[in-house]
């Protein structure tokens, strides 16, 4: 019996993932608010009623895509602000990590960039909640740095949000340059480096 249940559960998970993959592909060219349930089920090759065995609505599917796109990023986000190395090493490491992630998961990055301020409220809220978690994790990493001595929790959280926002901006810039010549990607790298340096300079003088 347990073997049969295991097979069923695996098949259910496979179908659920097929919905997520199909939706992500369809969202390359449109926003979630315009995505039709029948579009997704047609892409998967199942009847529309099968959708409701996995998701309550396309908004619910969108929230699952947020979890898939951002949920696995927490270790990377912490690494980008790790206290290992000097300021320039941290900046270089952060930009390289972001660029590699965009190269590996462009559809996920495009989805988050588009839906962060999109028309589907539960998805906006899910993105906001994940970014708030990122900020809390970045704050915890920043607090380990000797430079954080004397900083209040509110100021550390403000700085963490600056870093998280900058990571999203940098990811969006690399996304736009995905098919561009190498010199355009280099221009994005240089711009992102200067922007992170500016945050770093402001950080070192905040309590001055």
Protein backbone atom coordinates (compact mmCIF):
# COMPACT_ATOMS: atom_id res chain seq x y z
CA UNK A 1 0.00 0.00 0.00
CA UNK A 2 2.74 2.45 0.96
CA UNK A 3 4.55 1.69 -2.34
CA UNK A 4 1.38 2.55 -4.28
CA UNK A 5 0.94 5.75 -2.29
CA UNK A 6 4.56 6.63 -2.99
CA UNK A 7 4.03 6.21 -6.72
CA UNK A 8 0.87 8.32 -6.61
CA UNK A 9 2.61 11.04 -4.63
CA UNK A 10 5.52 11.08 -7.07
CA UNK A 11 3.13 11.34 -10.03
CA UNK A 12 1.21 14.13 -8.32
CA UNK A 13 4.45 16.03 -7.69
CA UNK A 14 5.51 15.47 -11.30
CA UNK A 15 2.22 16.91 -12.57
CA UNK A 16 2.44 19.85 -10.20
CA UNK A 17 5.95 20.62 -11.44
CA UNK A 18 4.70 20.37 -15.02
CA UNK A 19 2.15 23.11 -14.23
CA UNK A 20 4.89 25.31 -12.76
CA UNK A 21 7.21 24.75 -15.73
CA UNK A 22 4.45 25.40 -18.26
CA UNK A 23 3.33 28.57 -16.49
CA UNK A 24 6.89 29.87 -16.27
CA UNK A 25 7.37 29.30 -20.01
CA UNK A 26 4.10 31.08 -20.83
CA UNK A 27 5.04 33.97 -18.55
CA UNK A 28 8.11 34.71 -20.67
CA UNK A 29 5.80 36.76 -22.91
CA UNK A 30 3.02 37.94 -20.59
CA UNK A 31 2.14 38.86 -17.03
CA UNK A 32 0.47 36.54 -14.55
CA UNK A 33 -2.69 38.66 -14.50
CA UNK A 34 -3.25 37.85 -18.19
CA UNK A 35 -2.44 34.14 -17.92
CA UNK A 36 -5.45 31.89 -18.45
CA UNK A 37 -5.98 28.61 -16.62
CA UNK A 38 -6.83 26.87 -19.91
CA UNK A 39 -3.55 28.09 -21.40
CA UNK A 40 -1.64 26.34 -18.66
CA UNK A 41 -3.62 23.09 -18.75
CA UNK A 42 -3.37 22.97 -22.55
CA UNK A 43 0.40 23.37 -22.30
CA UNK A 44 0.57 20.51 -19.78
CA UNK A 45 -1.84 18.37 -21.81
CA UNK A 46 -4.47 17.80 -19.11
CA UNK A 47 -8.10 18.75 -18.59
CA UNK A 48 -8.78 22.10 -16.87
CA UNK A 49 -10.32 20.30 -13.88
CA UNK A 50 -6.94 18.65 -13.18
CA UNK A 51 -5.51 22.06 -12.33
CA UNK A 52 -7.58 22.32 -9.16
CA UNK A 53 -6.04 19.17 -7.72
CA UNK A 54 -2.83 21.17 -7.36
CA UNK A 55 -3.70 24.88 -7.15
CA UNK A 56 -6.72 26.91 -6.08
CA UNK A 57 -6.19 29.55 -8.77
CA UNK A 58 -3.57 31.03 -11.10
CA UNK A 59 -2.69 33.38 -8.21
CA UNK A 60 -1.98 30.32 -6.05
CA UNK A 61 0.20 28.93 -8.85
CA UNK A 62 2.00 32.30 -8.97
CA UNK A 63 2.75 32.13 -5.24
CA UNK A 64 4.22 28.65 -5.78
CA UNK A 65 6.40 30.08 -8.54
CA UNK A 66 7.62 32.76 -6.11
CA UNK A 67 8.62 30.03 -3.66
CA UNK A 68 10.42 28.16 -6.44
CA UNK A 69 12.16 31.27 -7.78
CA UNK A 70 13.21 32.81 -4.47
CA UNK A 71 13.06 30.06 -1.88
CA UNK A 72 16.37 28.49 -2.88
CA UNK A 73 18.21 31.84 -2.99
CA UNK A 74 18.61 32.38 0.74
CA UNK A 75 22.10 30.82 0.99
CA UNK A 76 23.27 32.84 -2.02
CA UNK A 77 21.95 36.11 -0.61
CA UNK A 78 23.76 35.52 2.68
CA UNK A 79 26.95 34.69 0.78
CA UNK A 80 26.84 37.98 -1.15
CA UNK A 81 27.23 39.96 2.08
CA UNK A 82 29.41 37.50 3.94
CA UNK A 83 32.05 39.17 6.10
CA UNK A 84 34.74 37.05 4.42
CA UNK A 85 37.27 39.19 2.52
CA UNK A 86 37.62 42.94 2.18
CA UNK A 87 35.02 45.27 0.69
CA UNK A 88 36.18 44.87 -2.92
CA UNK A 89 36.28 41.08 -2.65
CA UNK A 90 32.75 41.04 -1.27
CA UNK A 91 31.49 43.26 -4.08
CA UNK A 92 33.15 41.13 -6.76
CA UNK A 93 31.81 37.93 -5.21
CA UNK A 94 28.28 39.35 -4.97
CA UNK A 95 28.17 40.47 -8.60
CA UNK A 96 29.59 37.17 -9.88
CA UNK A 97 27.00 35.19 -7.90
CA UNK A 98 24.15 37.33 -9.21
CA UNK A 99 25.38 37.11 -12.82
CA UNK A 100 25.69 33.31 -12.61
CA UNK A 101 22.20 33.01 -11.16
CA UNK A 102 20.68 35.11 -13.94
CA UNK A 103 22.50 32.98 -16.54
CA UNK A 104 21.16 29.80 -14.94
CA UNK A 105 17.58 30.92 -14.16
CA UNK A 106 16.58 33.79 -16.49
CA UNK A 107 12.88 32.87 -16.55
CA UNK A 108 12.66 32.94 -12.74
CA UNK A 109 14.43 36.31 -12.58
CA UNK A 110 12.15 37.76 -15.28
CA UNK A 111 9.05 36.49 -13.44
CA UNK A 112 10.09 38.12 -10.15
CA UNK A 113 11.10 41.38 -11.84
CA UNK A 114 7.76 41.61 -13.62
CA UNK A 115 5.46 40.45 -10.82
CA UNK A 116 7.10 42.32 -7.94
CA UNK A 117 4.89 45.28 -8.84
CA UNK A 118 2.38 43.34 -10.91
CA UNK A 119 -1.38 43.12 -10.72
CA UNK A 120 -1.78 39.93 -8.66
CA UNK A 121 -1.84 40.88 -4.99
CA UNK A 122 -1.08 37.48 -3.39
CA UNK A 123 1.99 37.18 -5.62
CA UNK A 124 3.17 40.72 -4.77
CA UNK A 125 2.74 39.90 -1.09
CA UNK A 126 4.62 36.59 -1.45
CA UNK A 127 7.53 38.36 -3.14
CA UNK A 128 7.52 41.08 -0.49
CA UNK A 129 7.56 38.44 2.27
CA UNK A 130 10.51 36.59 0.70
CA UNK A 131 12.45 39.84 0.25
CA UNK A 132 11.75 40.74 3.88
CA UNK A 133 13.24 37.38 4.86
CA UNK A 134 16.27 38.12 2.70
CA UNK A 135 16.68 41.47 4.44
CA UNK A 136 16.53 39.85 7.89
CA UNK A 137 19.15 37.28 6.85
CA UNK A 138 21.39 39.97 5.36
CA UNK A 139 20.99 42.00 8.56
CA UNK A 140 22.14 38.99 10.60
CA UNK A 141 25.25 38.69 8.39
CA UNK A 142 25.96 42.43 8.58
CA UNK A 143 25.72 42.34 12.37
CA UNK A 144 28.70 39.94 12.44
CA UNK A 145 30.95 42.56 10.84
CA UNK A 146 33.08 44.67 13.24
CA UNK A 147 31.94 47.70 11.21
CA UNK A 148 28.44 47.14 12.59
CA UNK A 149 29.50 48.09 16.12
CA UNK A 150 27.24 50.87 17.36
CA UNK A 151 24.58 50.33 14.69
CA UNK A 152 20.95 50.07 15.79
CA UNK A 153 18.77 47.19 14.59
CA UNK A 154 16.69 49.61 12.54
CA UNK A 155 19.73 51.02 10.77
CA UNK A 156 21.13 47.56 10.08
CA UNK A 157 17.79 46.50 8.63
CA UNK A 158 17.69 49.65 6.49
CA UNK A 159 21.16 48.80 5.13
CA UNK A 160 20.10 45.20 4.54
CA UNK A 161 17.13 46.37 2.47
CA UNK A 162 19.49 48.56 0.42
CA UNK A 163 21.63 45.53 -0.38
CA UNK A 164 18.62 43.38 -1.26
CA UNK A 165 17.18 46.07 -3.53
CA UNK A 166 20.56 46.51 -5.20
CA UNK A 167 20.80 42.76 -5.81
CA UNK A 168 17.43 42.85 -7.59
CA UNK A 169 18.47 45.86 -9.65
CA UNK A 170 21.72 44.14 -10.64
CA UNK A 171 19.88 40.93 -11.55
CA UNK A 172 17.47 42.90 -13.76
CA UNK A 173 20.38 44.62 -15.52
CA UNK A 174 22.11 41.31 -16.20
CA UNK A 175 18.81 39.92 -17.47
CA UNK A 176 18.50 42.77 -19.98
CA UNK A 177 22.08 42.09 -21.11
CA UNK A 178 21.60 38.33 -21.37
CA UNK A 179 21.79 38.23 -25.17
CA UNK A 180 23.90 41.36 -25.48
CA UNK A 181 27.58 41.52 -26.52
CA UNK A 182 30.17 40.88 -23.81
CA UNK A 183 30.99 44.58 -23.54
CA UNK A 184 27.41 45.27 -22.42
CA UNK A 185 27.69 42.68 -19.65
CA UNK A 186 30.98 44.28 -18.64
CA UNK A 187 29.25 47.66 -18.52
CA UNK A 188 26.61 46.17 -16.19
CA UNK A 189 29.35 44.70 -14.00
CA UNK A 190 31.12 48.05 -13.76
CA UNK A 191 27.89 49.91 -12.96
CA UNK A 192 26.89 47.37 -10.30
CA UNK A 193 30.37 47.58 -8.78
CA UNK A 194 30.16 51.37 -8.51
CA UNK A 195 26.67 51.22 -6.99
CA UNK A 196 27.75 48.70 -4.36
CA UNK A 197 30.85 50.78 -3.62
CA UNK A 198 28.62 53.79 -3.02
CA UNK A 199 26.55 51.81 -0.50
CA UNK A 200 29.77 50.60 1.13
CA UNK A 201 31.14 54.16 1.42
CA UNK A 202 27.90 55.41 2.92
CA UNK A 203 27.94 52.49 5.34
CA UNK A 204 31.47 53.32 6.57
CA UNK A 205 30.54 56.95 7.23
CA UNK A 206 27.03 56.43 8.63
CA UNK A 207 28.04 56.81 12.26
CA UNK A 208 30.73 59.41 11.57
